[in-house]
N, C-alpha and C. Protein backbone atom coordinates (compact mmCIF):
# COMPACT_ATOMS: atom_id res chain seq x y z
N MET A 1 0.84 -1.17 0.00
CA MET A 1 0.00 0.00 0.00
C MET A 1 0.89 1.23 0.00
N GLU A 2 0.63 2.14 -0.92
CA GLU A 2 1.45 3.33 -1.04
C GLU A 2 1.03 4.42 -0.07
N GLU A 3 -0.27 4.57 0.16
CA GLU A 3 -0.72 5.56 1.12
C GLU A 3 -2.06 5.15 1.69
N PHE A 4 -2.38 5.65 2.85
CA PHE A 4 -3.63 5.36 3.52
C PHE A 4 -4.17 6.68 4.05
N VAL A 5 -5.31 7.10 3.54
CA VAL A 5 -5.89 8.38 3.93
C VAL A 5 -7.25 8.11 4.55
N ILE A 6 -7.49 8.66 5.73
CA ILE A 6 -8.77 8.49 6.39
C ILE A 6 -9.60 9.74 6.19
N THR A 7 -10.78 9.56 5.64
CA THR A 7 -11.72 10.67 5.47
C THR A 7 -13.10 10.19 5.90
N GLY A 8 -13.99 11.11 6.14
CA GLY A 8 -15.35 10.75 6.47
C GLY A 8 -16.12 10.47 5.20
N GLY A 9 -17.19 9.73 5.33
CA GLY A 9 -17.98 9.47 4.14
C GLY A 9 -19.06 8.45 4.36
N GLY A 10 -19.33 7.69 3.36
CA GLY A 10 -20.45 6.77 3.35
C GLY A 10 -21.51 7.35 2.43
N CYS A 11 -22.44 6.56 2.01
CA CYS A 11 -23.42 7.02 1.03
C CYS A 11 -24.18 8.29 1.43
N PRO A 12 -24.88 8.32 2.57
CA PRO A 12 -25.62 9.54 2.91
C PRO A 12 -24.73 10.77 3.13
N PRO A 13 -23.62 10.65 3.87
CA PRO A 13 -22.76 11.84 4.01
C PRO A 13 -22.19 12.31 2.67
N ASN A 14 -21.77 11.38 1.83
CA ASN A 14 -21.22 11.77 0.53
C ASN A 14 -22.26 12.47 -0.33
N ALA A 15 -23.49 11.97 -0.30
CA ALA A 15 -24.57 12.60 -1.06
C ALA A 15 -24.84 14.01 -0.54
N ALA A 16 -24.88 14.17 0.79
CA ALA A 16 -25.12 15.48 1.38
C ALA A 16 -24.01 16.46 1.00
N ILE A 17 -22.77 16.00 1.01
CA ILE A 17 -21.65 16.87 0.64
C ILE A 17 -21.74 17.25 -0.84
N ALA A 18 -22.11 16.31 -1.69
CA ALA A 18 -22.25 16.61 -3.11
C ALA A 18 -23.32 17.68 -3.32
N ILE A 19 -24.43 17.57 -2.60
CA ILE A 19 -25.50 18.57 -2.71
C ILE A 19 -25.01 19.93 -2.24
N ALA A 20 -24.29 19.96 -1.12
CA ALA A 20 -23.76 21.23 -0.60
C ALA A 20 -22.77 21.85 -1.58
N ARG A 21 -21.96 21.04 -2.22
CA ARG A 21 -20.98 21.56 -3.19
C ARG A 21 -21.66 22.14 -4.43
N LEU A 22 -22.89 21.71 -4.68
CA LEU A 22 -23.67 22.28 -5.78
C LEU A 22 -24.39 23.56 -5.33
N GLU A 23 -24.06 23.99 -4.11
CA GLU A 23 -24.60 25.21 -3.51
C GLU A 23 -26.09 25.13 -3.24
N ALA A 24 -26.57 23.92 -2.98
CA ALA A 24 -27.95 23.72 -2.57
C ALA A 24 -27.97 23.46 -1.06
N GLU A 25 -29.11 23.59 -0.45
CA GLU A 25 -29.24 23.34 0.99
C GLU A 25 -29.16 21.84 1.24
N ALA A 26 -28.23 21.44 2.09
CA ALA A 26 -28.02 20.03 2.37
C ALA A 26 -28.09 19.78 3.87
N ARG A 27 -28.72 18.66 4.23
CA ARG A 27 -28.84 18.26 5.64
C ARG A 27 -28.51 16.79 5.78
N PHE A 28 -27.91 16.45 6.90
CA PHE A 28 -27.70 15.04 7.25
C PHE A 28 -28.64 14.73 8.41
N VAL A 29 -29.47 13.72 8.23
CA VAL A 29 -30.42 13.30 9.25
C VAL A 29 -30.24 11.81 9.45
N GLY A 30 -29.95 11.41 10.68
CA GLY A 30 -29.82 9.99 10.95
C GLY A 30 -28.84 9.70 12.06
N PRO A 31 -28.69 8.41 12.39
CA PRO A 31 -27.79 8.01 13.48
C PRO A 31 -26.35 7.92 13.01
N ILE A 32 -25.45 8.18 13.94
CA ILE A 32 -24.02 8.02 13.67
C ILE A 32 -23.33 7.72 14.99
N GLY A 33 -22.35 6.86 14.96
CA GLY A 33 -21.66 6.45 16.18
C GLY A 33 -20.95 7.62 16.86
N ASP A 34 -20.72 7.45 18.16
CA ASP A 34 -20.02 8.51 18.90
C ASP A 34 -18.52 8.24 19.00
N ASP A 35 -18.00 7.45 18.08
CA ASP A 35 -16.58 7.12 18.07
C ASP A 35 -15.78 8.13 17.24
N GLU A 36 -14.49 7.87 17.10
CA GLU A 36 -13.59 8.76 16.36
C GLU A 36 -14.03 8.93 14.90
N HIS A 37 -14.47 7.84 14.28
CA HIS A 37 -14.88 7.92 12.88
C HIS A 37 -16.15 8.77 12.74
N GLY A 38 -17.08 8.62 13.67
CA GLY A 38 -18.29 9.44 13.65
C GLY A 38 -17.98 10.91 13.80
N THR A 39 -17.04 11.22 14.66
CA THR A 39 -16.62 12.62 14.84
C THR A 39 -16.00 13.15 13.55
N ARG A 40 -15.19 12.34 12.89
CA ARG A 40 -14.57 12.75 11.63
C ARG A 40 -15.64 13.02 10.57
N VAL A 41 -16.65 12.15 10.49
CA VAL A 41 -17.73 12.34 9.52
C VAL A 41 -18.49 13.63 9.83
N MET A 42 -18.85 13.82 11.09
CA MET A 42 -19.60 15.02 11.48
C MET A 42 -18.80 16.29 11.20
N ASP A 43 -17.52 16.28 11.54
CA ASP A 43 -16.67 17.45 11.27
C ASP A 43 -16.59 17.74 9.78
N GLY A 44 -16.48 16.69 8.98
CA GLY A 44 -16.41 16.86 7.53
C GLY A 44 -17.69 17.44 6.96
N LEU A 45 -18.83 17.00 7.48
CA LEU A 45 -20.11 17.55 7.03
C LEU A 45 -20.21 19.03 7.33
N VAL A 46 -19.83 19.40 8.55
CA VAL A 46 -19.87 20.82 8.94
C VAL A 46 -18.94 21.64 8.06
N GLU A 47 -17.72 21.15 7.84
CA GLU A 47 -16.75 21.86 6.99
C GLU A 47 -17.30 22.10 5.60
N GLU A 48 -18.09 21.18 5.10
CA GLU A 48 -18.62 21.27 3.74
C GLU A 48 -19.94 22.06 3.67
N GLY A 49 -20.42 22.52 4.83
CA GLY A 49 -21.64 23.33 4.83
C GLY A 49 -22.93 22.54 4.91
N VAL A 50 -22.86 21.30 5.37
CA VAL A 50 -24.05 20.47 5.53
C VAL A 50 -24.61 20.68 6.93
N ALA A 51 -25.91 20.92 7.03
CA ALA A 51 -26.57 21.06 8.33
C ALA A 51 -26.66 19.68 8.99
N ILE A 52 -26.32 19.62 10.28
CA ILE A 52 -26.31 18.33 10.99
C ILE A 52 -27.28 18.30 12.16
N LYS A 53 -28.22 19.24 12.20
CA LYS A 53 -29.16 19.31 13.32
C LYS A 53 -29.93 18.00 13.49
N GLY A 54 -30.19 17.28 12.41
CA GLY A 54 -30.94 16.03 12.49
C GLY A 54 -30.11 14.80 12.76
N ALA A 55 -28.81 14.98 12.93
CA ALA A 55 -27.94 13.84 13.23
C ALA A 55 -28.06 13.47 14.70
N VAL A 56 -28.03 12.18 14.97
CA VAL A 56 -28.11 11.69 16.35
C VAL A 56 -26.89 10.82 16.62
N ARG A 57 -26.08 11.24 17.59
CA ARG A 57 -24.91 10.45 17.97
C ARG A 57 -25.38 9.33 18.89
N ILE A 58 -25.02 8.11 18.56
CA ILE A 58 -25.42 6.94 19.33
C ILE A 58 -24.28 6.52 20.25
N ARG A 59 -24.51 6.65 21.54
CA ARG A 59 -23.47 6.33 22.51
C ARG A 59 -23.07 4.86 22.43
N GLY A 60 -21.79 4.62 22.32
CA GLY A 60 -21.25 3.27 22.28
C GLY A 60 -21.31 2.61 20.91
N ALA A 61 -21.91 3.28 19.93
CA ALA A 61 -22.01 2.69 18.59
C ALA A 61 -20.77 3.01 17.77
N ALA A 62 -20.38 2.06 16.96
CA ALA A 62 -19.24 2.26 16.07
C ALA A 62 -19.75 2.74 14.71
N THR A 63 -19.09 3.74 14.18
CA THR A 63 -19.40 4.22 12.84
C THR A 63 -18.75 3.28 11.84
N SER A 64 -19.51 2.82 10.87
CA SER A 64 -18.96 1.87 9.91
C SER A 64 -17.96 2.57 8.99
N ILE A 65 -16.97 1.82 8.58
CA ILE A 65 -15.99 2.33 7.62
C ILE A 65 -15.83 1.27 6.53
N SER A 66 -15.51 1.71 5.35
CA SER A 66 -15.28 0.77 4.24
C SER A 66 -14.18 1.32 3.36
N PRO A 67 -12.95 0.95 3.68
CA PRO A 67 -11.83 1.49 2.92
C PRO A 67 -11.75 0.88 1.52
N PRO A 68 -11.71 1.72 0.49
CA PRO A 68 -11.51 1.19 -0.86
C PRO A 68 -10.06 0.78 -1.05
N SER A 69 -9.84 -0.19 -1.88
CA SER A 69 -8.47 -0.59 -2.18
C SER A 69 -8.43 -1.20 -3.57
N ARG A 70 -7.25 -1.26 -4.12
CA ARG A 70 -7.03 -1.94 -5.39
C ARG A 70 -5.60 -2.42 -5.42
N SER A 71 -5.38 -3.47 -6.15
CA SER A 71 -4.02 -3.97 -6.26
C SER A 71 -3.26 -3.13 -7.28
N ARG A 72 -1.96 -3.19 -7.21
CA ARG A 72 -1.14 -2.41 -8.15
C ARG A 72 -1.35 -2.86 -9.59
N SER A 73 -1.74 -4.11 -9.78
CA SER A 73 -1.92 -4.61 -11.14
C SER A 73 -3.30 -4.26 -11.70
N ALA A 74 -4.21 -3.77 -10.86
CA ALA A 74 -5.55 -3.41 -11.33
C ALA A 74 -5.49 -2.09 -12.08
N PRO A 75 -6.34 -1.93 -13.07
CA PRO A 75 -6.36 -0.65 -13.78
C PRO A 75 -6.84 0.47 -12.87
N ALA A 76 -6.34 1.64 -13.12
CA ALA A 76 -6.75 2.80 -12.32
C ALA A 76 -8.23 3.07 -12.54
N PRO A 77 -8.96 3.43 -11.46
CA PRO A 77 -10.37 3.74 -11.63
C PRO A 77 -10.55 5.00 -12.47
N GLY A 78 -11.64 5.08 -13.14
CA GLY A 78 -11.93 6.26 -13.93
C GLY A 78 -12.94 5.93 -15.00
N PRO A 79 -13.39 6.96 -15.67
CA PRO A 79 -14.40 6.72 -16.69
C PRO A 79 -13.84 5.92 -17.85
N ARG A 80 -14.65 5.06 -18.38
CA ARG A 80 -14.26 4.28 -19.56
C ARG A 80 -15.23 4.61 -20.66
N ARG A 81 -14.70 4.86 -21.80
CA ARG A 81 -15.55 5.18 -22.95
C ARG A 81 -15.64 3.98 -23.86
N GLN A 82 -16.83 3.79 -24.36
CA GLN A 82 -17.04 2.69 -25.28
C GLN A 82 -17.75 3.24 -26.51
N SER A 83 -17.33 2.78 -27.65
CA SER A 83 -17.95 3.25 -28.89
C SER A 83 -19.33 2.62 -29.05
N PRO A 84 -20.17 3.19 -29.88
CA PRO A 84 -21.49 2.60 -30.12
C PRO A 84 -21.42 1.18 -30.63
N THR A 85 -20.30 0.78 -31.21
CA THR A 85 -20.16 -0.59 -31.72
C THR A 85 -19.72 -1.57 -30.64
N GLY A 86 -19.44 -1.05 -29.44
CA GLY A 86 -19.03 -1.91 -28.34
C GLY A 86 -17.54 -2.03 -28.18
N GLU A 87 -16.77 -1.36 -29.03
CA GLU A 87 -15.31 -1.41 -28.92
C GLU A 87 -14.84 -0.41 -27.86
N ALA A 88 -13.79 -0.80 -27.16
CA ALA A 88 -13.27 0.09 -26.12
C ALA A 88 -12.48 1.23 -26.71
């Protein structure tokens, strides 16, 4: 592994941040753990301008994490274009 970066995220937080970056009103509503990862997610939402009034910190709950990874031999992620004939 060349580098390991920890950021907040997950589907609902990422969607809320995307909405905020489009300069629309964004809110996060739902449960989140009161652990270090939950704090990182909440801080990231606030930094991005997402309202968190509807967030509920759950005492003793762990915030889920899902680190993406790929092997060095795997192609780099990114958009792939395909012609109408199906050729890459």
